[in-house]
């Protein structure tokens, strides 16, 4: 049996449908797709070219696990000086697992934000009340992110022809918006306390900080295992919470011996400023994906030159590369050629696909235009 990586499948149901199509087309029952591990296996004597044609039609990518088995066109990137092989090892983690982790984190944050409001009033701490407002926003945004992540696992339909993957990005945008808006609100409400600092219950702050560091640390660990923009934004949320509570812990110790109550509002401002500093770049990056900006790791002009260097390609137009969900990308291009045979055109398309596979471009649309006189 041969084992290959497979990209562009986002649900167990879709994997099963593709597996059945492979077996039906080849007239066998020995082809298997392992969806959790994103692998395809089939007998060694089976013609991989037949599977590649089906894969191209279904907008999925079959990629040899052993790099030595890759198409010669892959090595062309290294020869031309535009190597992108470091992108081949992206782990497309299960969206179902991500949604499950978000559910756990949502419950933890909602419960803890309620505790914070209670103890923030009890301990008379602006920093704890500030973080309580922030954590309640966290809980709401995580709940929305969880909801959107669940939707993102659905397959394409008549209304969402590209699938529902961008709902995960929508969750990241909502989370980032709540982070930025909440931080500005906290800054506005904390500045007056700087001029009239109030005594705080430092002992209560100390023990609450210990509990918060453990709870938020566990939540951050869960989100750190994912790779989507949604999970990255939530991970930032939770890491910021951990750092904030470490600050509360330190302030509670210092106040115990010095009574420098002004440290409480100062810490609140530092937490809010840190959130803005960290959240804005991620929010901007997610917005750019929605605006279909060329992914930052892709040099579209280099890709253009590599396509033009392929024998048989006269010219190209309408080269577009954009990201579907921040992890997987799509490309469309029109090329002119004097190659009139169906087999020849398919080989041209396969060479172009092989150029962008290392860039995680899993969805390609390549149109060929007959140009016998090389006028285009």
Protein backbone atom coordinates (compact mmCIF):
# COMPACT_ATOMS: atom_id res chain seq x y z
CA UNK A 1 0.00 0.00 0.00
CA UNK A 2 1.10 3.55 -0.72
CA UNK A 3 0.34 6.40 1.67
CA UNK A 4 -0.20 10.00 0.60
CA UNK A 5 -1.22 13.22 2.32
CA UNK A 6 -4.54 14.71 1.22
CA UNK A 7 -5.64 18.33 1.58
CA UNK A 8 -8.87 20.22 1.04
CA UNK A 9 -11.24 17.88 2.92
CA UNK A 10 -12.89 19.33 6.02
CA UNK A 11 -15.31 16.73 7.32
CA UNK A 12 -15.63 12.98 7.82
CA UNK A 13 -18.70 12.97 5.57
CA UNK A 14 -16.79 14.64 2.73
CA UNK A 15 -13.86 12.24 3.16
CA UNK A 16 -16.22 9.25 2.88
CA UNK A 17 -17.82 10.65 -0.28
CA UNK A 18 -14.42 11.19 -1.94
CA UNK A 19 -13.28 7.71 -0.90
CA UNK A 20 -16.35 6.16 -2.50
CA UNK A 21 -15.80 8.18 -5.68
CA UNK A 22 -12.18 7.04 -5.92
CA UNK A 23 -13.15 3.38 -5.49
CA UNK A 24 -16.02 3.63 -7.95
CA UNK A 25 -13.89 5.31 -10.63
CA UNK A 26 -11.04 2.80 -10.33
CA UNK A 27 -13.44 -0.13 -9.83
CA UNK A 28 -11.90 -1.26 -6.55
CA UNK A 29 -12.66 -1.21 -2.83
CA UNK A 30 -9.09 -0.91 -1.56
CA UNK A 31 -8.71 2.89 -1.51
CA UNK A 32 -8.97 4.39 1.98
CA UNK A 33 -9.01 7.95 3.33
CA UNK A 34 -8.06 8.41 6.98
CA UNK A 35 -9.74 11.75 7.69
CA UNK A 36 -8.33 12.42 11.21
CA UNK A 37 -4.77 11.99 9.89
CA UNK A 38 -5.48 13.44 6.42
CA UNK A 39 -3.96 10.46 4.62
CA UNK A 40 -4.88 8.47 1.50
CA UNK A 41 -3.80 4.84 1.03
CA UNK A 42 -4.14 2.56 -2.00
CA UNK A 43 -2.40 -0.48 -3.59
CA UNK A 44 1.06 0.09 -5.04
CA UNK A 45 0.02 -1.04 -8.53
CA UNK A 46 -2.79 1.53 -8.82
CA UNK A 47 -2.26 4.44 -11.24
CA UNK A 48 -1.93 7.64 -9.17
CA UNK A 49 -2.62 9.76 -12.26
CA UNK A 50 -6.25 8.61 -12.31
CA UNK A 51 -6.69 9.67 -8.70
CA UNK A 52 -5.01 13.01 -9.41
CA UNK A 53 -7.51 13.76 -12.17
CA UNK A 54 -10.40 13.10 -9.81
CA UNK A 55 -8.71 15.12 -7.08
CA UNK A 56 -8.23 18.08 -9.45
CA UNK A 57 -11.93 17.96 -10.33
CA UNK A 58 -12.92 17.83 -6.64
CA UNK A 59 -10.48 20.65 -5.71
CA UNK A 60 -8.45 18.53 -3.33
CA UNK A 61 -4.73 17.81 -3.35
CA UNK A 62 -2.92 14.48 -3.14
CA UNK A 63 0.65 14.85 -1.95
CA UNK A 64 3.27 12.16 -1.46
CA UNK A 65 4.38 11.72 2.17
CA UNK A 66 7.88 10.98 0.94
CA UNK A 67 9.17 14.20 -0.61
CA UNK A 68 11.30 12.17 -3.02
CA UNK A 69 8.11 11.02 -4.72
CA UNK A 70 6.95 14.53 -5.52
CA UNK A 71 6.50 15.69 -9.10
CA UNK A 72 9.59 17.07 -10.82
CA UNK A 73 7.79 20.36 -11.00
CA UNK A 74 8.08 20.69 -7.21
CA UNK A 75 11.85 20.74 -7.42
CA UNK A 76 11.59 23.47 -10.06
CA UNK A 77 10.78 25.92 -7.28
CA UNK A 78 14.13 25.26 -5.63
CA UNK A 79 15.98 25.55 -8.92
CA UNK A 80 14.34 28.87 -9.72
CA UNK A 81 15.16 30.27 -6.27
CA UNK A 82 11.60 30.48 -4.99
CA UNK A 83 11.43 27.68 -2.47
CA UNK A 84 8.32 27.56 -0.29
CA UNK A 85 8.75 24.06 1.11
CA UNK A 86 8.52 25.25 4.71
CA UNK A 87 4.78 25.65 4.25
CA UNK A 88 4.21 21.97 3.51
CA UNK A 89 4.06 20.94 7.13
CA UNK A 90 1.01 22.98 8.17
CA UNK A 91 -1.17 20.92 10.44
CA UNK A 92 -4.83 21.22 9.43
CA UNK A 93 -6.27 20.34 12.82
CA UNK A 94 -9.80 19.09 13.19
CA UNK A 95 -12.41 21.86 13.36
CA UNK A 96 -14.60 19.56 15.43
CA UNK A 97 -11.87 19.27 18.06
CA UNK A 98 -11.36 23.05 18.00
CA UNK A 99 -15.07 23.60 18.63
CA UNK A 100 -14.97 21.15 21.55
CA UNK A 101 -12.01 22.99 23.11
CA UNK A 102 -13.81 26.32 22.68
CA UNK A 103 -16.85 24.94 24.49
CA UNK A 104 -14.69 24.02 27.50
CA UNK A 105 -12.96 27.42 27.50
CA UNK A 106 -16.33 29.20 27.18
CA UNK A 107 -17.71 27.46 30.29
CA UNK A 108 -14.53 28.20 32.29
CA UNK A 109 -14.53 31.91 31.32
CA UNK A 110 -18.24 32.45 31.94
CA UNK A 111 -18.04 30.88 35.40
CA UNK A 112 -14.88 32.76 36.29
CA UNK A 113 -16.13 36.17 35.10
CA UNK A 114 -19.11 35.85 37.48
CA UNK A 115 -16.71 35.04 40.34
CA UNK A 116 -14.58 38.06 39.43
CA UNK A 117 -17.49 40.50 39.61
CA UNK A 118 -18.36 39.19 43.07
CA UNK A 119 -14.81 39.25 44.43
CA UNK A 120 -13.90 42.51 42.65
CA UNK A 121 -16.63 44.29 44.63
CA UNK A 122 -15.77 42.35 47.80
CA UNK A 123 -12.05 43.19 47.58
CA UNK A 124 -12.60 46.76 46.24
CA UNK A 125 -10.12 46.10 43.42
CA UNK A 126 -10.31 48.11 40.18
CA UNK A 127 -7.94 45.66 38.50
CA UNK A 128 -10.19 42.67 39.32
CA UNK A 129 -13.35 44.51 38.27
CA UNK A 130 -11.58 45.60 35.09
CA UNK A 131 -10.62 42.03 34.37
CA UNK A 132 -14.17 40.88 35.24
CA UNK A 133 -15.60 43.11 32.50
CA UNK A 134 -12.87 41.86 30.19
CA UNK A 135 -13.51 38.20 31.04
CA UNK A 136 -17.25 38.59 30.55
CA UNK A 137 -16.45 39.97 27.08
CA UNK A 138 -14.13 36.99 26.66
CA UNK A 139 -16.91 34.59 27.57
CA UNK A 140 -19.34 36.18 25.12
CA UNK A 141 -16.79 36.26 22.30
CA UNK A 142 -15.64 32.71 23.01
CA UNK A 143 -19.26 31.56 22.95
CA UNK A 144 -19.71 33.25 19.56
CA UNK A 145 -16.40 31.84 18.35
CA UNK A 146 -17.54 28.37 19.42
CA UNK A 147 -20.82 28.87 17.53
CA UNK A 148 -19.04 30.08 14.39
CA UNK A 149 -16.45 27.28 14.63
CA UNK A 150 -19.25 24.71 14.65
CA UNK A 151 -20.74 26.28 11.52
CA UNK A 152 -17.32 26.34 9.83
CA UNK A 153 -17.26 22.51 9.78
CA UNK A 154 -20.20 22.37 7.36
CA UNK A 155 -19.55 21.56 3.73
CA UNK A 156 -20.31 23.71 0.69
CA UNK A 157 -23.93 24.11 -0.36
CA UNK A 158 -25.98 26.13 -2.86
CA UNK A 159 -25.67 29.27 -0.74
CA UNK A 160 -22.06 28.94 0.49
CA UNK A 161 -20.31 27.50 -2.57
CA UNK A 162 -16.85 27.77 -0.96
CA UNK A 163 -18.03 26.08 2.21
CA UNK A 164 -18.42 27.60 5.67
CA UNK A 165 -14.75 27.88 6.67
CA UNK A 166 -14.85 31.67 6.91
CA UNK A 167 -17.29 31.51 9.81
CA UNK A 168 -14.24 30.64 11.89
CA UNK A 169 -12.68 33.93 10.76
CA UNK A 170 -15.89 35.75 11.65
CA UNK A 171 -15.47 34.42 15.18
CA UNK A 172 -11.91 35.80 15.25
CA UNK A 173 -13.13 39.23 14.06
CA UNK A 174 -15.83 39.34 16.74
CA UNK A 175 -13.33 38.32 19.41
CA UNK A 176 -10.81 40.94 18.27
CA UNK A 177 -13.47 43.64 18.14
CA UNK A 178 -14.60 42.88 21.70
CA UNK A 179 -10.98 42.89 22.90
CA UNK A 180 -10.21 46.28 21.36
CA UNK A 181 -13.50 47.95 22.33
CA UNK A 182 -13.42 46.54 25.86
CA UNK A 183 -9.82 47.67 26.38
CA UNK A 184 -10.60 51.26 25.36
CA UNK A 185 -13.60 51.24 27.71
CA UNK A 186 -11.45 49.98 30.59
CA UNK A 187 -8.81 52.65 30.00
CA UNK A 188 -11.45 55.40 30.08
CA UNK A 189 -12.92 54.10 33.35
CA UNK A 190 -9.62 53.41 35.11
CA UNK A 191 -7.84 56.74 34.54
CA UNK A 192 -9.97 58.62 37.16
CA UNK A 193 -9.04 55.99 39.80
CA UNK A 194 -5.37 56.91 39.33
CA UNK A 195 -6.10 60.23 41.03
CA UNK A 196 -8.06 58.68 43.88
CA UNK A 197 -6.71 55.16 44.58
CA UNK A 198 -8.75 53.10 47.04
CA UNK A 199 -7.59 50.44 49.55
CA UNK A 200 -7.89 46.86 48.31
CA UNK A 201 -8.14 43.44 49.95
CA UNK A 202 -4.68 42.21 49.00
CA UNK A 203 -5.10 38.79 50.64
CA UNK A 204 -8.26 38.05 48.66
CA UNK A 205 -6.56 39.29 45.49
CA UNK A 206 -3.65 36.91 46.12
CA UNK A 207 -5.74 33.73 46.35
CA UNK A 208 -8.06 34.72 43.51
CA UNK A 209 -4.99 35.37 41.32
CA UNK A 210 -3.65 31.86 42.08
CA UNK A 211 -6.96 30.30 41.05
CA UNK A 212 -7.20 32.50 37.92
CA UNK A 213 -3.68 31.64 36.73
CA UNK A 214 -4.48 27.91 36.90
CA UNK A 215 -7.89 28.26 35.15
CA UNK A 216 -6.71 30.59 32.40
CA UNK A 217 -3.45 28.68 31.97
CA UNK A 218 -5.38 25.48 31.27
CA UNK A 219 -7.65 27.30 28.80
CA UNK A 220 -4.67 28.84 26.99
CA UNK A 221 -3.08 25.40 26.74
CA UNK A 222 -6.22 24.03 25.06
CA UNK A 223 -6.34 26.85 22.49
CA UNK A 224 -2.60 26.69 21.82
CA UNK A 225 -3.08 23.23 20.30
CA UNK A 226 -5.09 24.65 17.39
CA UNK A 227 -3.97 26.50 14.26
CA UNK A 228 -6.94 28.51 12.97
CA UNK A 229 -7.21 32.32 13.18
CA UNK A 230 -10.14 31.85 15.53
CA UNK A 231 -8.09 29.71 17.93
CA UNK A 232 -5.07 32.04 17.66
CA UNK A 233 -7.19 35.06 18.66
CA UNK A 234 -8.68 33.15 21.59
CA UNK A 235 -5.24 31.94 22.64
CA UNK A 236 -4.12 35.59 22.75
CA UNK A 237 -7.14 36.34 24.96
CA UNK A 238 -6.16 33.68 27.42
CA UNK A 239 -2.43 34.31 27.49
CA UNK A 240 -3.17 37.96 28.20
CA UNK A 241 -5.42 36.82 31.06
CA UNK A 242 -2.62 34.70 32.53
CA UNK A 243 -0.15 37.61 32.36
CA UNK A 244 -2.73 39.98 33.85
CA UNK A 245 -3.36 37.71 36.80
CA UNK A 246 0.36 37.26 37.38
CA UNK A 247 0.40 41.05 37.63
CA UNK A 248 -2.48 40.98 40.14
CA UNK A 249 -0.56 38.39 42.16
CA UNK A 250 2.54 40.59 42.26
CA UNK A 251 0.54 43.72 43.13
CA UNK A 252 -1.25 41.92 45.98
CA UNK A 253 2.12 40.98 47.49
CA UNK A 254 3.57 44.49 47.09
CA UNK A 255 0.43 46.19 48.52
CA UNK A 256 0.56 43.91 51.55
CA UNK A 257 3.89 45.42 52.60
CA UNK A 258 3.74 48.96 51.12
CA UNK A 259 0.05 49.98 50.81
CA UNK A 260 0.78 51.41 47.35
CA UNK A 261 -2.87 51.18 46.29
CA UNK A 262 -2.19 53.15 43.13
CA UNK A 263 -0.59 50.00 41.69
CA UNK A 264 -4.08 48.52 41.25
CA UNK A 265 -5.32 51.05 38.62
CA UNK A 266 -1.85 51.19 37.08
CA UNK A 267 -1.99 47.44 36.53
CA UNK A 268 -5.47 47.80 35.02
CA UNK A 269 -4.13 50.28 32.45
CA UNK A 270 -1.14 48.09 31.63
CA UNK A 271 -3.41 45.09 31.00
CA UNK A 272 -5.68 47.12 28.70
CA UNK A 273 -2.73 48.58 26.76
CA UNK A 274 -1.20 45.12 26.33
CA UNK A 275 -4.49 43.78 24.93
CA UNK A 276 -4.62 46.54 22.29
CA UNK A 277 -0.95 46.07 21.37
CA UNK A 278 -1.40 42.34 20.83
CA UNK A 279 -4.94 42.20 19.42
CA UNK A 280 -4.70 44.88 16.73
CA UNK A 281 -2.25 43.02 14.39
CA UNK A 282 -4.33 39.81 14.57
CA UNK A 283 -7.56 41.74 14.03
CA UNK A 284 -6.01 43.52 11.03
CA UNK A 285 -4.71 40.25 9.56
CA UNK A 286 -8.13 38.59 9.88
CA UNK A 287 -9.83 41.59 8.26
CA UNK A 288 -7.36 41.36 5.36
CA UNK A 289 -8.36 37.74 4.78
CA UNK A 290 -11.99 38.86 4.49
CA UNK A 291 -10.85 41.54 2.02
CA UNK A 292 -9.12 38.79 -0.02
CA UNK A 293 -5.63 40.28 0.29
CA UNK A 294 -2.85 38.08 -1.13
CA UNK A 295 -1.50 35.99 1.82
CA UNK A 296 1.60 37.63 3.28
CA UNK A 297 3.77 34.54 2.79
CA UNK A 298 3.06 34.41 -0.96
CA UNK A 299 5.01 36.42 -3.54
CA UNK A 300 2.45 36.66 -6.35
CA UNK A 301 4.96 38.16 -8.79
CA UNK A 302 7.33 35.23 -8.23
CA UNK A 303 4.45 32.83 -8.91
CA UNK A 304 3.61 34.76 -12.08
CA UNK A 305 7.20 34.38 -13.33
CA UNK A 306 7.32 30.67 -12.50
CA UNK A 307 4.10 30.02 -14.43
CA UNK A 308 5.42 31.96 -17.44
CA UNK A 309 8.62 29.87 -17.34
CA UNK A 310 6.63 26.65 -17.88
CA UNK A 311 7.13 25.35 -21.40
CA UNK A 312 3.97 25.84 -23.45
CA UNK A 313 2.64 28.84 -21.51
CA UNK A 314 2.64 31.94 -23.74
CA UNK A 315 1.10 34.42 -21.35
CA UNK A 316 -1.21 34.66 -18.36
CA UNK A 317 -3.93 36.95 -17.08
CA UNK A 318 -6.27 37.29 -14.13
CA UNK A 319 -3.91 35.72 -11.61
CA UNK A 320 -5.67 35.90 -8.25
CA UNK A 321 -4.53 34.33 -4.97
CA UNK A 322 -6.49 34.75 -1.77
CA UNK A 323 -7.02 32.93 1.50
CA UNK A 324 -10.18 31.00 2.29
CA UNK A 325 -9.74 30.84 6.06
CA UNK A 326 -6.18 31.94 6.86
CA UNK A 327 -4.83 28.41 6.50
CA UNK A 328 -5.87 27.21 3.06
CA UNK A 329 -5.64 29.39 -0.02
CA UNK A 330 -7.26 29.55 -3.46
CA UNK A 331 -5.94 30.60 -6.86
CA UNK A 332 -7.44 31.34 -10.26
CA UNK A 333 -5.51 32.09 -13.45
CA UNK A 334 -6.01 32.19 -17.20
CA UNK A 335 -3.15 31.05 -19.45
CA UNK A 336 -2.70 31.09 -23.21
CA UNK A 337 -1.04 28.16 -24.99
CA UNK A 338 -0.58 26.57 -28.42
CA UNK A 339 -0.99 23.10 -26.94
CA UNK A 340 -4.30 21.80 -28.32
CA UNK A 341 -4.35 18.26 -26.95
CA UNK A 342 -6.41 17.57 -23.85
CA UNK A 343 -3.55 15.58 -22.36
CA UNK A 344 -1.10 18.42 -22.99
CA UNK A 345 -3.35 21.00 -21.37
CA UNK A 346 -3.90 18.78 -18.35
CA UNK A 347 -0.13 18.42 -17.93
CA UNK A 348 0.21 22.21 -18.02
CA UNK A 349 -2.44 22.55 -15.35
CA UNK A 350 -0.77 19.91 -13.20
CA UNK A 351 2.56 21.75 -13.42
CA UNK A 352 0.89 24.98 -12.31
CA UNK A 353 -0.85 23.21 -9.42
CA UNK A 354 2.44 21.67 -8.30
CA UNK A 355 3.96 25.15 -8.06
CA UNK A 356 1.44 26.32 -5.50
CA UNK A 357 0.82 23.14 -3.49
CA UNK A 358 3.69 24.02 -1.07
CA UNK A 359 1.96 27.35 -0.45
CA UNK A 360 -1.18 25.59 0.85
CA UNK A 361 -3.14 26.59 -2.25
CA UNK A 362 -5.64 23.75 -2.19
CA UNK A 363 -8.28 25.21 -4.49
CA UNK A 364 -7.13 26.10 -8.04
CA UNK A 365 -9.09 27.16 -11.10
CA UNK A 366 -6.95 27.22 -14.27
CA UNK A 367 -8.46 28.31 -17.57
CA UNK A 368 -6.58 27.63 -20.83
CA UNK A 369 -7.07 29.72 -23.96
CA UNK A 370 -5.98 28.49 -27.43
CA UNK A 371 -3.32 30.85 -28.80
CA UNK A 372 -1.77 29.26 -31.93
CA UNK A 373 -0.34 32.54 -33.21
CA UNK A 374 1.07 33.66 -29.84
CA UNK A 375 -0.80 36.99 -29.94
CA UNK A 376 -2.17 37.05 -26.41
